[in-house]
Amino acid sequence: IKKIAQAVDRMLCIFPFEPDLLKAHGIQATFVGHPLANAIPLQPDRLQARQALGLPDDARVLALLPGSRASEIKYLAKRFVDTARLLAREHPGLKVLLPVAPGLKAMVQAELQGLEQGPGLMLLDGQSHQALAACDVSLVASGTATLEAAMFKRPMVIAYAMHPMSWWLTRRKKIQPWVGLPNILAQTFLVPEYLQDQAQPEAMAQALHHWLTHPDEVQVLQSRFLSMHHSLQRNTAQSSADAIQQILDR
């Protein structure tokens, strides 16, 4: 961090908590808003997304986002689909959307070993935003996708798993109790997190079932997500240009 402070005049930040954090280390920073906050509508159109995907308007829909890296697919894809199958026992007719990042479809199919042909499961070529707009609830790998799910105002369960040695090293560096961006921004567990050995299908299915059967809690969560969305909205291009101009005017 000291080297960064010596090398830069100012940093442009996409999260509101970052300027104070950097200032404590002698780095001037400006919050310019998160680009996704302007790209995703405040009130996503669920019915339009369902029609685009050929889903019934009244279906129960689960979106699975196990990540866009090969390692994430390896450790999460099958767990996520097993979770969906358990949830479908409680919610017959459940539709399951699994967006697949470019170039990873063959790996996803291999990891699932034919499970993608199961009833109600649709593999999508990308289209993660379409899936989030269409779903009632989501199971999401920790990362930017959790923030996207929050901006789509969808209740979620966050999960992550990795190689045991990588997990051990990560745990040693843990400095806060949350890994999901919505929880970090809220500074509390707005949504549940299941990490490493805790990321078991039975537990995750139960947490998803809770969201589907407690609409009053979903309403409260969506209100929090809407406030979060507003807090991340700025005229990012103009704010960035103004911050840069201040440096040039010195």
Protein backbone atom coordinates (compact mmCIF):
# COMPACT_ATOMS: atom_id res chain seq x y z
CA ILE A 1 0.00 0.00 0.00
CA LYS A 2 2.87 2.38 0.76
CA LYS A 3 4.22 1.86 -2.77
CA ILE A 4 0.79 2.64 -4.21
CA ALA A 5 0.60 5.83 -2.15
CA GLN A 6 3.93 6.96 -3.55
CA ALA A 7 3.03 6.08 -7.14
CA VAL A 8 -0.46 7.59 -7.56
CA ASP A 9 -2.01 11.03 -7.06
CA ARG A 10 -5.57 9.77 -6.66
CA MET A 11 -7.55 6.59 -7.05
CA LEU A 12 -11.06 6.32 -8.48
CA CYS A 13 -13.23 3.95 -6.43
CA ILE A 14 -16.39 2.05 -7.31
CA PHE A 15 -17.50 1.40 -3.72
CA PRO A 16 -18.36 4.13 -1.18
CA PHE A 17 -16.33 2.59 1.66
CA GLU A 18 -13.07 2.60 -0.29
CA PRO A 19 -12.02 6.30 -0.05
CA ASP A 20 -11.91 6.26 3.77
CA LEU A 21 -10.05 2.96 3.74
CA LEU A 22 -7.44 4.31 1.35
CA LYS A 23 -7.21 7.67 3.12
CA ALA A 24 -6.12 5.84 6.28
CA HIS A 25 -3.08 4.73 4.30
CA GLY A 26 -2.34 8.15 2.85
CA ILE A 27 -3.96 7.57 -0.54
CA GLN A 28 -6.34 10.20 -1.92
CA ALA A 29 -9.40 8.61 -3.49
CA THR A 30 -12.76 9.58 -4.98
CA PHE A 31 -15.91 7.47 -5.10
CA VAL A 32 -17.24 7.67 -8.66
CA GLY A 33 -20.03 5.11 -8.50
CA HIS A 34 -20.27 1.52 -9.72
CA PRO A 35 -20.77 1.07 -13.48
CA LEU A 36 -23.32 -1.71 -12.92
CA ALA A 37 -25.56 0.62 -10.92
CA ASN A 38 -26.37 2.56 -14.08
CA ALA A 39 -26.39 -0.47 -16.38
CA ILE A 40 -29.02 -2.39 -14.38
CA PRO A 41 -32.50 -0.83 -14.08
CA LEU A 42 -33.79 0.02 -10.62
CA GLN A 43 -36.92 -2.04 -11.34
CA PRO A 44 -36.01 -5.02 -13.57
CA ASP A 45 -38.80 -6.45 -15.73
CA ARG A 46 -39.27 -10.06 -14.59
CA LEU A 47 -42.08 -10.90 -17.01
CA GLN A 48 -40.19 -9.58 -20.03
CA ALA A 49 -37.13 -11.64 -19.07
CA ARG A 50 -39.25 -14.77 -18.66
CA GLN A 51 -40.89 -14.29 -22.01
CA ALA A 52 -37.48 -13.87 -23.65
CA LEU A 53 -36.38 -17.18 -22.14
CA GLY A 54 -39.63 -18.99 -22.91
CA LEU A 55 -40.60 -19.40 -19.26
CA PRO A 56 -44.17 -19.36 -17.91
CA ASP A 57 -45.11 -16.13 -16.18
CA ASP A 58 -46.19 -17.96 -13.03
CA ALA A 59 -43.29 -20.43 -12.75
CA ARG A 60 -40.99 -20.71 -9.74
CA VAL A 61 -37.55 -19.90 -11.13
CA LEU A 62 -34.12 -20.44 -9.62
CA ALA A 63 -30.96 -18.95 -11.14
CA LEU A 64 -27.66 -20.75 -10.56
CA LEU A 65 -24.49 -18.72 -11.02
CA PRO A 66 -21.53 -20.95 -10.08
CA GLY A 67 -18.91 -18.56 -11.46
CA SER A 68 -17.02 -17.87 -14.66
CA ARG A 69 -13.67 -19.48 -13.84
CA ALA A 70 -12.81 -23.11 -14.52
CA SER A 71 -11.88 -23.65 -10.86
CA GLU A 72 -15.28 -22.31 -9.75
CA ILE A 73 -17.10 -24.64 -12.12
CA LYS A 74 -15.04 -27.56 -10.79
CA TYR A 75 -15.91 -26.91 -7.15
CA LEU A 76 -19.40 -25.43 -7.42
CA ALA A 77 -21.36 -26.49 -10.51
CA LYS A 78 -22.41 -29.96 -9.35
CA ARG A 79 -23.14 -28.72 -5.82
CA PHE A 80 -25.38 -26.02 -7.26
CA VAL A 81 -27.34 -28.44 -9.46
CA ASP A 82 -27.70 -30.92 -6.58
CA THR A 83 -29.06 -28.03 -4.52
CA ALA A 84 -31.58 -27.25 -7.26
CA ARG A 85 -32.72 -30.87 -7.37
CA LEU A 86 -33.34 -30.88 -3.62
CA LEU A 87 -35.23 -27.61 -3.85
CA ALA A 88 -37.37 -29.01 -6.68
CA ARG A 89 -38.65 -31.68 -4.29
CA GLU A 90 -40.23 -28.92 -2.21
CA HIS A 91 -41.29 -26.91 -5.26
CA PRO A 92 -42.44 -29.22 -8.07
CA GLY A 93 -42.19 -27.63 -11.48
CA LEU A 94 -39.22 -25.48 -10.45
CA LYS A 95 -37.41 -24.01 -13.44
CA VAL A 96 -33.64 -23.72 -13.11
CA LEU A 97 -31.47 -21.36 -15.16
CA LEU A 98 -27.71 -21.90 -15.35
CA PRO A 99 -25.89 -19.22 -17.38
CA VAL A 100 -22.57 -20.51 -18.73
CA ALA A 101 -19.65 -18.21 -19.48
CA PRO A 102 -18.18 -18.33 -23.02
CA GLY A 103 -15.88 -21.28 -23.53
CA LEU A 104 -16.98 -23.17 -20.41
CA LYS A 105 -20.05 -25.03 -21.64
CA ALA A 106 -18.18 -28.30 -22.33
CA MET A 107 -16.64 -28.19 -18.86
CA VAL A 108 -20.00 -27.51 -17.22
CA GLN A 109 -21.57 -30.43 -19.06
CA ALA A 110 -18.68 -32.70 -18.03
CA GLU A 111 -18.93 -31.63 -14.37
CA LEU A 112 -22.65 -32.25 -14.33
CA GLN A 113 -22.26 -35.64 -16.03
CA GLY A 114 -25.52 -35.43 -17.90
CA LEU A 115 -27.50 -33.76 -15.11
CA GLU A 116 -28.07 -30.76 -17.38
CA GLN A 117 -30.66 -32.89 -19.20
CA GLY A 118 -32.76 -33.15 -16.05
CA PRO A 119 -36.26 -31.67 -15.99
CA GLY A 120 -36.48 -27.94 -15.50
CA LEU A 121 -32.76 -27.20 -15.99
CA MET A 122 -31.79 -24.80 -18.78
CA LEU A 123 -28.16 -24.12 -19.72
CA LEU A 124 -27.87 -20.60 -21.12
CA ASP A 125 -25.10 -19.15 -23.26
CA GLY A 126 -24.14 -16.26 -21.00
CA GLN A 127 -27.34 -14.30 -20.33
CA SER A 128 -26.66 -14.01 -16.60
CA HIS A 129 -28.53 -10.70 -16.43
CA GLN A 130 -31.51 -12.26 -18.20
CA ALA A 131 -31.46 -15.13 -15.71
CA LEU A 132 -31.30 -12.81 -12.72
CA ALA A 133 -34.12 -10.67 -14.08
CA ALA A 134 -36.29 -13.76 -14.63
CA CYS A 135 -35.69 -15.62 -11.37
CA ASP A 136 -37.44 -15.61 -8.01
CA VAL A 137 -34.33 -16.61 -6.08
CA SER A 138 -30.66 -17.21 -6.88
CA LEU A 139 -27.70 -19.30 -5.74
CA VAL A 140 -24.57 -17.32 -6.53
CA ALA A 141 -20.83 -17.84 -6.25
CA SER A 142 -19.13 -15.11 -4.25
CA GLY A 143 -17.95 -12.35 -6.57
CA THR A 144 -19.37 -9.58 -8.72
CA ALA A 145 -22.42 -11.72 -9.53
CA THR A 146 -23.64 -11.29 -5.95
CA LEU A 147 -23.74 -7.52 -6.47
CA GLU A 148 -25.57 -8.04 -9.76
CA ALA A 149 -28.16 -10.22 -8.02
CA ALA A 150 -28.63 -7.50 -5.41
CA MET A 151 -29.16 -4.86 -8.09
CA PHE A 152 -31.74 -7.11 -9.72
CA LYS A 153 -33.40 -7.17 -6.25
CA ARG A 154 -33.33 -10.96 -6.09
CA PRO A 155 -33.01 -12.84 -2.81
CA MET A 156 -29.93 -15.02 -2.89
CA VAL A 157 -27.75 -17.53 -1.16
CA ILE A 158 -24.01 -16.95 -1.56
CA ALA A 159 -21.63 -19.90 -1.75
CA TYR A 160 -18.00 -20.59 -2.50
CA ALA A 161 -15.54 -23.48 -2.44
CA MET A 162 -11.96 -23.91 -3.59
CA HIS A 163 -8.94 -26.19 -3.25
CA PRO A 164 -8.38 -26.97 0.46
CA MET A 165 -4.89 -25.40 0.49
CA SER A 166 -6.19 -22.21 -1.13
CA TRP A 167 -8.99 -22.12 1.44
CA TRP A 168 -6.51 -22.46 4.30
CA LEU A 169 -4.44 -19.56 2.97
CA THR A 170 -7.55 -17.44 2.42
CA ARG A 171 -8.85 -18.07 5.93
CA ARG A 172 -5.56 -16.91 7.41
CA LYS A 173 -5.97 -13.51 5.71
CA LYS A 174 -9.65 -13.04 6.57
CA ILE A 175 -10.20 -9.55 8.01
CA GLN A 176 -13.99 -9.33 8.04
CA PRO A 177 -16.86 -11.75 8.60
CA TRP A 178 -18.40 -11.46 5.12
CA VAL A 179 -17.30 -12.45 1.62
CA GLY A 180 -20.39 -11.46 -0.40
CA LEU A 181 -20.43 -7.90 -1.73
CA PRO A 182 -24.04 -7.18 -0.63
CA ASN A 183 -23.15 -8.20 2.93
CA ILE A 184 -19.90 -6.23 2.87
CA LEU A 185 -21.73 -3.11 1.69
CA ALA A 186 -24.45 -3.57 4.31
CA GLN A 187 -21.92 -4.54 7.01
CA THR A 188 -24.25 -7.34 8.08
CA PHE A 189 -25.53 -10.69 6.85
CA LEU A 190 -28.37 -9.58 4.61
CA VAL A 191 -28.18 -12.94 2.86
CA PRO A 192 -26.68 -16.26 4.01
CA GLU A 193 -23.19 -17.37 3.01
CA TYR A 194 -22.06 -21.00 2.76
CA LEU A 195 -18.31 -21.40 2.32
CA GLN A 196 -16.14 -24.43 1.66
CA ASP A 197 -17.35 -27.40 3.78
CA GLN A 198 -20.53 -25.49 4.68
CA ALA A 199 -21.50 -25.26 1.00
CA GLN A 200 -23.57 -28.45 1.07
CA PRO A 201 -26.66 -28.91 -1.12
CA GLU A 202 -28.94 -29.71 1.82
CA ALA A 203 -28.09 -26.49 3.68
CA MET A 204 -28.23 -24.30 0.57
CA ALA A 205 -31.56 -25.79 -0.55
CA GLN A 206 -33.04 -25.10 2.87
CA ALA A 207 -31.88 -21.46 2.73
CA LEU A 208 -33.36 -21.01 -0.76
CA HIS A 209 -36.61 -22.63 0.38
CA HIS A 210 -36.75 -20.10 3.20
CA TRP A 211 -36.67 -17.20 0.74
CA LEU A 212 -39.37 -18.81 -1.39
CA THR A 213 -41.69 -19.28 1.58
CA HIS A 214 -41.15 -15.97 3.38
CA PRO A 215 -42.30 -13.22 1.00
CA ASP A 216 -42.40 -10.65 3.82
CA GLU A 217 -38.65 -11.10 4.40
CA VAL A 218 -38.03 -10.89 0.65
CA GLN A 219 -39.82 -7.54 0.57
CA VAL A 220 -37.60 -6.15 3.31
CA LEU A 221 -34.51 -7.48 1.53
CA GLN A 222 -35.56 -5.92 -1.78
CA SER A 223 -35.98 -2.57 -0.06
CA ARG A 224 -32.43 -2.84 1.29
CA PHE A 225 -31.15 -3.78 -2.16
CA LEU A 226 -32.93 -0.80 -3.72
CA SER A 227 -31.26 1.57 -1.24
CA MET A 228 -27.91 -0.09 -1.98
CA HIS A 229 -28.49 0.35 -5.70
CA HIS A 230 -29.18 4.07 -5.22
CA SER A 231 -26.05 4.44 -3.07
CA LEU A 232 -23.87 3.08 -5.88
CA GLN A 233 -25.34 5.29 -8.59
CA ARG A 234 -23.31 8.25 -9.73
CA ASN A 235 -22.57 9.92 -13.05
CA THR A 236 -19.44 7.78 -13.18
CA ALA A 237 -18.00 9.27 -16.35
CA GLN A 238 -18.43 12.85 -15.16
CA SER A 239 -17.20 12.12 -11.63
CA SER A 240 -14.12 10.40 -13.02
CA ALA A 241 -13.41 13.25 -15.42
CA ASP A 242 -13.78 15.84 -12.63
CA ALA A 243 -11.37 13.94 -10.36
CA ILE A 244 -8.80 13.66 -13.14
CA GLN A 245 -9.19 17.34 -14.03
CA GLN A 246 -8.44 18.31 -10.42
CA ILE A 247 -5.11 16.52 -10.72
CA LEU A 248 -4.31 18.15 -14.07
CA ASP A 249 -5.13 21.60 -12.69
CA ARG A 250 -2.54 21.39 -9.92
